[in-house]
Amino acid sequence: KLDEVREALSELGASGLTVTEVKGFGRQKGHTELY
């Protein structure tokens, strides 16, 4: 969703922003995957 959010803020005239790749969890507490 990064590009959509960046475009929405640019349209409002936000002069700059900082983007960081992070990891975390909330209510979903992660998930299981099959590899």
PDB file of all heavy atoms in Angstrom:
ATOM      1  N   LYS A   1       0.812  -1.216   0.000  1.00  0.00           N
ATOM      2  CA  LYS A   1       0.000   0.000   0.000  1.00  0.00           C
ATOM      3  C   LYS A   1       0.851   1.275   0.000  1.00  0.00           C
ATOM      4  O   LYS A   1       0.336   2.374  -0.027  1.00  0.00           O
ATOM      5  CB  LYS A   1      -0.928   0.016   1.224  1.00  0.00           C
ATOM      6  CG  LYS A   1      -2.074  -0.960   1.121  1.00  0.00           C
ATOM      7  CD  LYS A   1      -2.975  -0.532  -0.014  1.00  0.00           C
ATOM      8  CE  LYS A   1      -4.339  -1.154   0.047  1.00  0.00           C
ATOM      9  NZ  LYS A   1      -5.229  -0.568  -0.947  1.00  0.00           N
ATOM     10  N   LEU A   2       2.174   1.122   0.003  1.00  0.00           N
ATOM     11  CA  LEU A   2       3.067   2.277   0.096  1.00  0.00           C
ATOM     12  C   LEU A   2       2.846   3.284  -1.018  1.00  0.00           C
ATOM     13  O   LEU A   2       2.717   4.488  -0.769  1.00  0.00           O
ATOM     14  CB  LEU A   2       4.531   1.830   0.116  1.00  0.00           C
ATOM     15  CG  LEU A   2       5.567   2.956   0.077  1.00  0.00           C
ATOM     16  CD1 LEU A   2       5.405   3.884   1.262  1.00  0.00           C
ATOM     17  CD2 LEU A   2       6.968   2.384   0.021  1.00  0.00           C
ATOM     18  N   ASP A   3       2.806   2.846  -2.271  1.00  0.00           N
ATOM     19  CA  ASP A   3       2.655   3.787  -3.382  1.00  0.00           C
ATOM     20  C   ASP A   3       1.351   4.560  -3.305  1.00  0.00           C
ATOM     21  O   ASP A   3       1.320   5.771  -3.570  1.00  0.00           O
ATOM     22  CB  ASP A   3       2.756   3.056  -4.727  1.00  0.00           C
ATOM     23  CG  ASP A   3       4.182   2.636  -5.042  1.00  0.00           C
ATOM     24  OD1 ASP A   3       5.117   3.274  -4.509  1.00  0.00           O
ATOM     25  OD2 ASP A   3       4.364   1.668  -5.805  1.00  0.00           O
ATOM     26  N   GLU A   4       0.270   3.893  -2.929  1.00  0.00           N
ATOM     27  CA  GLU A   4      -1.019   4.576  -2.823  1.00  0.00           C
ATOM     28  C   GLU A   4      -0.994   5.642  -1.727  1.00  0.00           C
ATOM     29  O   GLU A   4      -1.507   6.743  -1.917  1.00  0.00           O
ATOM     30  CB  GLU A   4      -2.129   3.566  -2.540  1.00  0.00           C
ATOM     31  CG  GLU A   4      -2.395   2.621  -3.699  1.00  0.00           C
ATOM     32  CD  GLU A   4      -3.415   1.561  -3.345  1.00  0.00           C
ATOM     33  OE1 GLU A   4      -4.492   1.912  -2.810  1.00  0.00           O
ATOM     34  OE2 GLU A   4      -3.133   0.373  -3.598  1.00  0.00           O
ATOM     35  N   VAL A   5      -0.386   5.326  -0.596  1.00  0.00           N
ATOM     36  CA  VAL A   5      -0.304   6.279   0.506  1.00  0.00           C
ATOM     37  C   VAL A   5       0.596   7.452   0.120  1.00  0.00           C
ATOM     38  O   VAL A   5       0.266   8.619   0.377  1.00  0.00           O
ATOM     39  CB  VAL A   5       0.193   5.595   1.798  1.00  0.00           C
ATOM     40  CG1 VAL A   5       0.469   6.615   2.891  1.00  0.00           C
ATOM     41  CG2 VAL A   5      -0.827   4.567   2.265  1.00  0.00           C
ATOM     42  N   ARG A   6       1.722   7.164  -0.504  1.00  0.00           N
ATOM     43  CA  ARG A   6       2.634   8.238  -0.931  1.00  0.00           C
ATOM     44  C   ARG A   6       1.940   9.186  -1.898  1.00  0.00           C
ATOM     45  O   ARG A   6       2.043  10.408  -1.768  1.00  0.00           O
ATOM     46  CB  ARG A   6       3.882   7.647  -1.583  1.00  0.00           C
ATOM     47  CG  ARG A   6       4.915   8.706  -1.978  1.00  0.00           C
ATOM     48  CD  ARG A   6       6.026   8.125  -2.820  1.00  0.00           C
ATOM     49  NE  ARG A   6       5.565   7.367  -3.961  1.00  0.00           N
ATOM     50  CZ  ARG A   6       5.144   7.912  -5.117  1.00  0.00           C
ATOM     51  NH1 ARG A   6       5.100   9.212  -5.262  1.00  0.00           N
ATOM     52  NH2 ARG A   6       4.771   7.138  -6.118  1.00  0.00           N
ATOM     53  N   GLU A   7       1.219   8.637  -2.866  1.00  0.00           N
ATOM     54  CA  GLU A   7       0.503   9.473  -3.829  1.00  0.00           C
ATOM     55  C   GLU A   7      -0.571  10.313  -3.158  1.00  0.00           C
ATOM     56  O   GLU A   7      -0.734  11.491  -3.477  1.00  0.00           O
ATOM     57  CB  GLU A   7      -0.117   8.601  -4.925  1.00  0.00           C
ATOM     58  CG  GLU A   7       0.907   8.019  -5.875  1.00  0.00           C
ATOM     59  CD  GLU A   7       0.324   6.973  -6.824  1.00  0.00           C
ATOM     60  OE1 GLU A   7      -0.924   6.866  -6.913  1.00  0.00           O
ATOM     61  OE2 GLU A   7       1.117   6.261  -7.468  1.00  0.00           O
ATOM     62  N   ALA A   8      -1.287   9.724  -2.208  1.00  0.00           N
ATOM     63  CA  ALA A   8      -2.338  10.463  -1.501  1.00  0.00           C
ATOM     64  C   ALA A   8      -1.750  11.633  -0.714  1.00  0.00           C
ATOM     65  O   ALA A   8      -2.306  12.737  -0.720  1.00  0.00           O
ATOM     66  CB  ALA A   8      -3.090   9.525  -0.566  1.00  0.00           C
ATOM     67  N   LEU A   9      -0.605  11.411  -0.061  1.00  0.00           N
ATOM     68  CA  LEU A   9       0.028  12.494   0.695  1.00  0.00           C
ATOM     69  C   LEU A   9       0.616  13.552  -0.227  1.00  0.00           C
ATOM     70  O   LEU A   9       0.569  14.743   0.071  1.00  0.00           O
ATOM     71  CB  LEU A   9       1.102  11.930   1.626  1.00  0.00           C
ATOM     72  CG  LEU A   9       0.583  11.131   2.823  1.00  0.00           C
ATOM     73  CD1 LEU A   9       1.736  10.452   3.548  1.00  0.00           C
ATOM     74  CD2 LEU A   9      -0.203  12.025   3.769  1.00  0.00           C
ATOM     75  N   SER A  10       1.149  13.138  -1.366  1.00  0.00           N
ATOM     76  CA  SER A  10       1.702  14.096  -2.332  1.00  0.00           C
ATOM     77  C   SER A  10       0.610  15.010  -2.877  1.00  0.00           C
ATOM     78  O   SER A  10       0.831  16.203  -3.061  1.00  0.00           O
ATOM     79  CB  SER A  10       2.383  13.366  -3.482  1.00  0.00           C
ATOM     80  OG  SER A  10       3.524  12.694  -3.018  1.00  0.00           O
ATOM     81  N   GLU A  11      -0.569  14.446  -3.133  1.00  0.00           N
ATOM     82  CA  GLU A  11      -1.689  15.248  -3.630  1.00  0.00           C
ATOM     83  C   GLU A  11      -2.119  16.310  -2.628  1.00  0.00           C
ATOM     84  O   GLU A  11      -2.603  17.364  -3.006  1.00  0.00           O
ATOM     85  CB  GLU A  11      -2.875  14.350  -3.967  1.00  0.00           C
ATOM     86  CG  GLU A  11      -2.670  13.535  -5.226  1.00  0.00           C
ATOM     87  CD  GLU A  11      -3.805  12.542  -5.486  1.00  0.00           C
ATOM     88  OE1 GLU A  11      -4.839  12.623  -4.798  1.00  0.00           O
ATOM     89  OE2 GLU A  11      -3.629  11.691  -6.379  1.00  0.00           O
ATOM     90  N   LEU A  12      -1.927  16.037  -1.334  1.00  0.00           N
ATOM     91  CA  LEU A  12      -2.280  17.003  -0.297  1.00  0.00           C
ATOM     92  C   LEU A  12      -1.221  18.090  -0.142  1.00  0.00           C
ATOM     93  O   LEU A  12      -1.453  19.075   0.536  1.00  0.00           O
ATOM     94  CB  LEU A  12      -2.453  16.296   1.048  1.00  0.00           C
ATOM     95  CG  LEU A  12      -3.643  15.374   1.182  1.00  0.00           C
ATOM     96  CD1 LEU A  12      -3.627  14.721   2.558  1.00  0.00           C
ATOM     97  CD2 LEU A  12      -4.934  16.120   0.974  1.00  0.00           C
ATOM     98  N   GLY A  13      -0.063  17.869  -0.719  1.00  0.00           N
ATOM     99  CA  GLY A  13       1.006  18.849  -0.612  1.00  0.00           C
ATOM    100  C   GLY A  13       2.004  18.570   0.490  1.00  0.00           C
ATOM    101  O   GLY A  13       2.724  19.472   0.911  1.00  0.00           O
ATOM    102  N   ALA A  14       2.051  17.345   0.966  1.00  0.00           N
ATOM    103  CA  ALA A  14       3.067  16.995   1.962  1.00  0.00           C
ATOM    104  C   ALA A  14       4.436  17.167   1.334  1.00  0.00           C
ATOM    105  O   ALA A  14       4.712  16.630   0.266  1.00  0.00           O
ATOM    106  CB  ALA A  14       2.868  15.561   2.452  1.00  0.00           C
ATOM    107  N   SER A  15       5.293  17.928   1.995  1.00  0.00           N
ATOM    108  CA  SER A  15       6.568  18.293   1.380  1.00  0.00           C
ATOM    109  C   SER A  15       7.615  17.191   1.432  1.00  0.00           C
ATOM    110  O   SER A  15       8.594  17.239   0.705  1.00  0.00           O
ATOM    111  CB  SER A  15       7.123  19.550   2.046  1.00  0.00           C
ATOM    112  OG  SER A  15       7.291  19.330   3.422  1.00  0.00           O
ATOM    113  N   GLY A  16       7.429  16.206   2.278  1.00  0.00           N
ATOM    114  CA  GLY A  16       8.392  15.117   2.349  1.00  0.00           C
ATOM    115  C   GLY A  16       7.943  14.090   3.349  1.00  0.00           C
ATOM    116  O   GLY A  16       7.085  14.363   4.192  1.00  0.00           O
ATOM    117  N   LEU A  17       8.509  12.909   3.233  1.00  0.00           N
ATOM    118  CA  LEU A  17       8.179  11.864   4.190  1.00  0.00           C
ATOM    119  C   LEU A  17       9.335  10.900   4.289  1.00  0.00           C
ATOM    120  O   LEU A  17      10.195  10.846   3.421  1.00  0.00           O
ATOM    121  CB  LEU A  17       6.880  11.138   3.825  1.00  0.00           C
ATOM    122  CG  LEU A  17       6.752  10.492   2.450  1.00  0.00           C
ATOM    123  CD1 LEU A  17       7.073   9.015   2.528  1.00  0.00           C
ATOM    124  CD2 LEU A  17       5.322  10.665   1.978  1.00  0.00           C
ATOM    125  N   THR A  18       9.335  10.145   5.374  1.00  0.00           N
ATOM    126  CA  THR A  18      10.361   9.140   5.612  1.00  0.00           C
ATOM    127  C   THR A  18       9.706   7.773   5.626  1.00  0.00           C
ATOM    128  O   THR A  18       8.656   7.594   6.237  1.00  0.00           O
ATOM    129  CB  THR A  18      11.057   9.393   6.964  1.00  0.00           C
ATOM    130  OG1 THR A  18      11.626  10.696   6.947  1.00  0.00           O
ATOM    131  CG2 THR A  18      12.148   8.360   7.219  1.00  0.00           C
ATOM    132  N   VAL A  19      10.311   6.816   4.941  1.00  0.00           N
ATOM    133  CA  VAL A  19       9.771   5.467   4.863  1.00  0.00           C
ATOM    134  C   VAL A  19      10.816   4.494   5.416  1.00  0.00           C
ATOM    135  O   VAL A  19      11.985   4.555   5.046  1.00  0.00           O
ATOM    136  CB  VAL A  19       9.431   5.092   3.403  1.00  0.00           C
ATOM    137  CG1 VAL A  19       8.966   3.653   3.300  1.00  0.00           C
ATOM    138  CG2 VAL A  19       8.385   6.039   2.840  1.00  0.00           C
ATOM    139  N   THR A  20      10.364   3.593   6.285  1.00  0.00           N
ATOM    140  CA  THR A  20      11.242   2.597   6.885  1.00  0.00           C
ATOM    141  C   THR A  20      10.586   1.228   6.791  1.00  0.00           C
ATOM    142  O   THR A  20       9.389   1.105   7.024  1.00  0.00           O
ATOM    143  CB  THR A  20      11.482   2.911   8.384  1.00  0.00           C
ATOM    144  OG1 THR A  20      11.846   4.278   8.530  1.00  0.00           O
ATOM    145  CG2 THR A  20      12.563   2.033   8.961  1.00  0.00           C
ATOM    146  N   GLU A  21      11.366   0.221   6.430  1.00  0.00           N
ATOM    147  CA  GLU A  21      10.858  -1.142   6.449  1.00  0.00           C
ATOM    148  C   GLU A  21      10.992  -1.655   7.874  1.00  0.00           C
ATOM    149  O   GLU A  21      12.068  -1.626   8.458  1.00  0.00           O
ATOM    150  CB  GLU A  21      11.662  -2.035   5.504  1.00  0.00           C
ATOM    151  CG  GLU A  21      11.453  -1.700   4.045  1.00  0.00           C
ATOM    152  CD  GLU A  21      12.235  -2.613   3.110  1.00  0.00           C
ATOM    153  OE1 GLU A  21      12.718  -3.669   3.564  1.00  0.00           O
ATOM    154  OE2 GLU A  21      12.349  -2.259   1.938  1.00  0.00           O
ATOM    155  N   VAL A  22       9.871  -2.115   8.437  1.00  0.00           N
ATOM    156  CA  VAL A  22       9.863  -2.597   9.813  1.00  0.00           C
ATOM    157  C   VAL A  22       9.185  -3.961   9.880  1.00  0.00           C
ATOM    158  O   VAL A  22       8.576  -4.407   8.911  1.00  0.00           O
ATOM    159  CB  VAL A  22       9.147  -1.598  10.761  1.00  0.00           C
ATOM    160  CG1 VAL A  22       9.898  -0.291  10.838  1.00  0.00           C
ATOM    161  CG2 VAL A  22       7.711  -1.372  10.324  1.00  0.00           C
ATOM    162  N   LYS A  23       9.306  -4.603  11.021  1.00  0.00           N
ATOM    163  CA  LYS A  23       8.601  -5.869  11.260  1.00  0.00           C
ATOM    164  C   LYS A  23       7.895  -5.763  12.591  1.00  0.00           C
ATOM    165  O   LYS A  23       8.392  -5.115  13.509  1.00  0.00           O
ATOM    166  CB  LYS A  23       9.586  -7.045  11.293  1.00  0.00           C
ATOM    167  CG  LYS A  23      10.178  -7.358   9.954  1.00  0.00           C
ATOM    168  CD  LYS A  23      11.050  -8.580  10.038  1.00  0.00           C
ATOM    169  CE  LYS A  23      11.607  -8.897   8.663  1.00  0.00           C
ATOM    170  NZ  LYS A  23      12.190 -10.217   8.594  1.00  0.00           N
ATOM    171  N   GLY A  24       6.744  -6.405  12.691  1.00  0.00           N
ATOM    172  CA  GLY A  24       6.024  -6.366  13.948  1.00  0.00           C
ATOM    173  C   GLY A  24       4.766  -7.201  13.876  1.00  0.00           C
ATOM    174  O   GLY A  24       4.511  -7.884  12.887  1.00  0.00           O
ATOM    175  N   PHE A  25       3.989  -7.124  14.949  1.00  0.00           N
ATOM    176  CA  PHE A  25       2.703  -7.813  14.964  1.00  0.00           C
ATOM    177  C   PHE A  25       1.756  -7.067  15.869  1.00  0.00           C
ATOM    178  O   PHE A  25       2.169  -6.342  16.768  1.00  0.00           O
ATOM    179  CB  PHE A  25       2.839  -9.276  15.401  1.00  0.00           C
ATOM    180  CG  PHE A  25       3.223  -9.453  16.842  1.00  0.00           C
ATOM    181  CD1 PHE A  25       2.252  -9.524  17.830  1.00  0.00           C
ATOM    182  CD2 PHE A  25       4.551  -9.564  17.196  1.00  0.00           C
ATOM    183  CE1 PHE A  25       2.608  -9.690  19.152  1.00  0.00           C
ATOM    184  CE2 PHE A  25       4.914  -9.737  18.517  1.00  0.00           C
ATOM    185  CZ  PHE A  25       3.943  -9.793  19.501  1.00  0.00           C
ATOM    186  N   GLY A  26       0.487  -7.247  15.616  1.00  0.00           N
ATOM    187  CA  GLY A  26      -0.559  -6.681  16.451  1.00  0.00           C
ATOM    188  C   GLY A  26      -1.449  -7.801  16.916  1.00  0.00           C
ATOM    189  O   GLY A  26      -0.975  -8.838  17.382  1.00  0.00           O
ATOM    190  N   ARG A  27      -2.741  -7.633  16.708  1.00  0.00           N
ATOM    191  CA  ARG A  27      -3.697  -8.647  17.132  1.00  0.00           C
ATOM    192  C   ARG A  27      -3.526  -9.965  16.399  1.00  0.00           C
ATOM    193  O   ARG A  27      -3.826 -11.018  16.914  1.00  0.00           O
ATOM    194  CB  ARG A  27      -5.117  -8.152  16.907  1.00  0.00           C
ATOM    195  CG  ARG A  27      -5.518  -7.092  17.863  1.00  0.00           C
ATOM    196  CD  ARG A  27      -6.968  -6.762  17.664  1.00  0.00           C
ATOM    197  NE  ARG A  27      -7.336  -5.663  18.525  1.00  0.00           N
ATOM    198  CZ  ARG A  27      -8.377  -4.905  18.337  1.00  0.00           C
ATOM    199  NH1 ARG A  27      -9.164  -5.117  17.313  1.00  0.00           N
ATOM    200  NH2 ARG A  27      -8.648  -3.927  19.167  1.00  0.00           N
ATOM    201  N   GLN A  28      -3.015  -9.899  15.172  1.00  0.00           N
ATOM    202  CA  GLN A  28      -2.923 -11.125  14.384  1.00  0.00           C
ATOM    203  C   GLN A  28      -1.833 -12.073  14.870  1.00  0.00           C
ATOM    204  O   GLN A  28      -1.818 -13.244  14.547  1.00  0.00           O
ATOM    205  CB  GLN A  28      -2.752 -10.790  12.905  1.00  0.00           C
ATOM    206  CG  GLN A  28      -1.484 -10.036  12.595  1.00  0.00           C
ATOM    207  CD  GLN A  28      -1.502  -9.394  11.237  1.00  0.00           C
ATOM    208  OE1 GLN A  28      -1.330  -8.214  11.104  1.00  0.00           O
ATOM    209  NE2 GLN A  28      -1.718 -10.169  10.212  1.00  0.00           N
ATOM    210  N   LYS A  29      -0.886 -11.579  15.654  1.00  0.00           N
ATOM    211  CA  LYS A  29       0.164 -12.402  16.274  1.00  0.00           C
ATOM    212  C   LYS A  29       0.933 -13.264  15.286  1.00  0.00           C
ATOM    213  O   LYS A  29       1.307 -14.377  15.582  1.00  0.00           O
ATOM    214  CB  LYS A  29      -0.447 -13.310  17.346  1.00  0.00           C
ATOM    215  CG  LYS A  29      -1.218 -12.586  18.413  1.00  0.00           C
ATOM    216  CD  LYS A  29      -0.304 -12.004  19.455  1.00  0.00           C
ATOM    217  CE  LYS A  29      -1.066 -11.505  20.646  1.00  0.00           C
ATOM    218  NZ  LYS A  29      -1.486 -10.138  20.588  1.00  0.00           N
ATOM    219  N   GLY A  30       1.160 -12.776  14.082  1.00  0.00           N
ATOM    220  CA  GLY A  30       1.899 -13.549  13.095  1.00  0.00           C
ATOM    221  C   GLY A  30       1.024 -14.609  12.451  1.00  0.00           C
ATOM    222  O   GLY A  30      -0.189 -14.613  12.593  1.00  0.00           O
ATOM    223  N   HIS A  31       1.648 -15.519  11.722  1.00  0.00           N
ATOM    224  CA  HIS A  31       0.907 -16.589  11.064  1.00  0.00           C
ATOM    225  C   HIS A  31       1.854 -17.747  10.759  1.00  0.00           C
ATOM    226  O   HIS A  31       3.060 -17.627  10.908  1.00  0.00           O
ATOM    227  CB  HIS A  31       0.240 -16.080   9.779  1.00  0.00           C
ATOM    228  CG  HIS A  31       1.216 -15.633   8.732  1.00  0.00           C
ATOM    229  ND1 HIS A  31       1.771 -14.385   8.736  1.00  0.00           N
ATOM    230  CD2 HIS A  31       1.720 -16.272   7.658  1.00  0.00           C
ATOM    231  CE1 HIS A  31       2.592 -14.268   7.698  1.00  0.00           C
ATOM    232  NE2 HIS A  31       2.589 -15.395   7.027  1.00  0.00           N
ATOM    233  N   THR A  32       1.306 -18.870  10.318  1.00  0.00           N
ATOM    234  CA  THR A  32       2.138 -20.008   9.943  1.00  0.00           C
ATOM    235  C   THR A  32       2.216 -20.108   8.432  1.00  0.00           C
ATOM    236  O   THR A  32       1.277 -19.752   7.721  1.00  0.00           O
ATOM    237  CB  THR A  32       1.568 -21.329  10.507  1.00  0.00           C
ATOM    238  OG1 THR A  32       0.247 -21.501  10.009  1.00  0.00           O
ATOM    239  CG2 THR A  32       1.539 -21.320  12.014  1.00  0.00           C
ATOM    240  N   GLU A  33       3.346 -20.561   7.940  1.00  0.00           N
ATOM    241  CA  GLU A  33       3.558 -20.751   6.505  1.00  0.00           C
ATOM    242  C   GLU A  33       4.115 -22.136   6.268  1.00  0.00           C
ATOM    243  O   GLU A  33       4.683 -22.760   7.170  1.00  0.00           O
ATOM    244  CB  GLU A  33       4.511 -19.691   5.950  1.00  0.00           C
ATOM    245  CG  GLU A  33       3.914 -18.310   5.889  1.00  0.00           C
ATOM    246  CD  GLU A  33       4.802 -17.330   5.155  1.00  0.00           C
ATOM    247  OE1 GLU A  33       5.849 -17.728   4.611  1.00  0.00           O
ATOM    248  OE2 GLU A  33       4.449 -16.143   5.135  1.00  0.00           O
ATOM    249  N   LEU A  34       3.974 -22.583   5.046  1.00  0.00           N
ATOM    250  CA  LEU A  34       4.479 -23.892   4.650  1.00  0.00           C
ATOM    251  C   LEU A  34       5.618 -23.687   3.662  1.00  0.00           C
ATOM    252  O   LEU A  34       5.469 -22.973   2.672  1.00  0.00           O
ATOM    253  CB  LEU A  34       3.345 -24.694   3.993  1.00  0.00           C
ATOM    254  CG  LEU A  34       3.524 -26.191   3.891  1.00  0.00           C
ATOM    255  CD1 LEU A  34       3.655 -26.807   5.282  1.00  0.00           C
ATOM    256  CD2 LEU A  34       2.332 -26.794   3.162  1.00  0.00           C
ATOM    257  N   TYR A  35       6.790 -24.239   3.945  1.00  0.00           N
ATOM    258  CA  TYR A  35       7.941 -24.117   3.062  1.00  0.00           C
ATOM    259  C   TYR A  35       8.566 -25.487   2.890  1.00  0.00           C
ATOM    260  O   TYR A  35       9.025 -26.101   3.854  1.00  0.00           O
ATOM    261  CB  TYR A  35       8.960 -23.127   3.640  1.00  0.00           C
ATOM    262  CG  TYR A  35      10.173 -22.949   2.771  1.00  0.00           C
ATOM    263  CD1 TYR A  35      10.103 -22.257   1.562  1.00  0.00           C
ATOM    264  CD2 TYR A  35      11.403 -23.489   3.148  1.00  0.00           C
ATOM    265  CE1 TYR A  35      11.221 -22.099   0.769  1.00  0.00           C
ATOM    266  CE2 TYR A  35      12.527 -23.330   2.360  1.00  0.00           C
ATOM    267  CZ  TYR A  35      12.423 -22.634   1.169  1.00  0.00           C
ATOM    268  OH  TYR A  35      13.522 -22.479   0.374  1.00  0.00           O
TER     269      TYR A  35
END
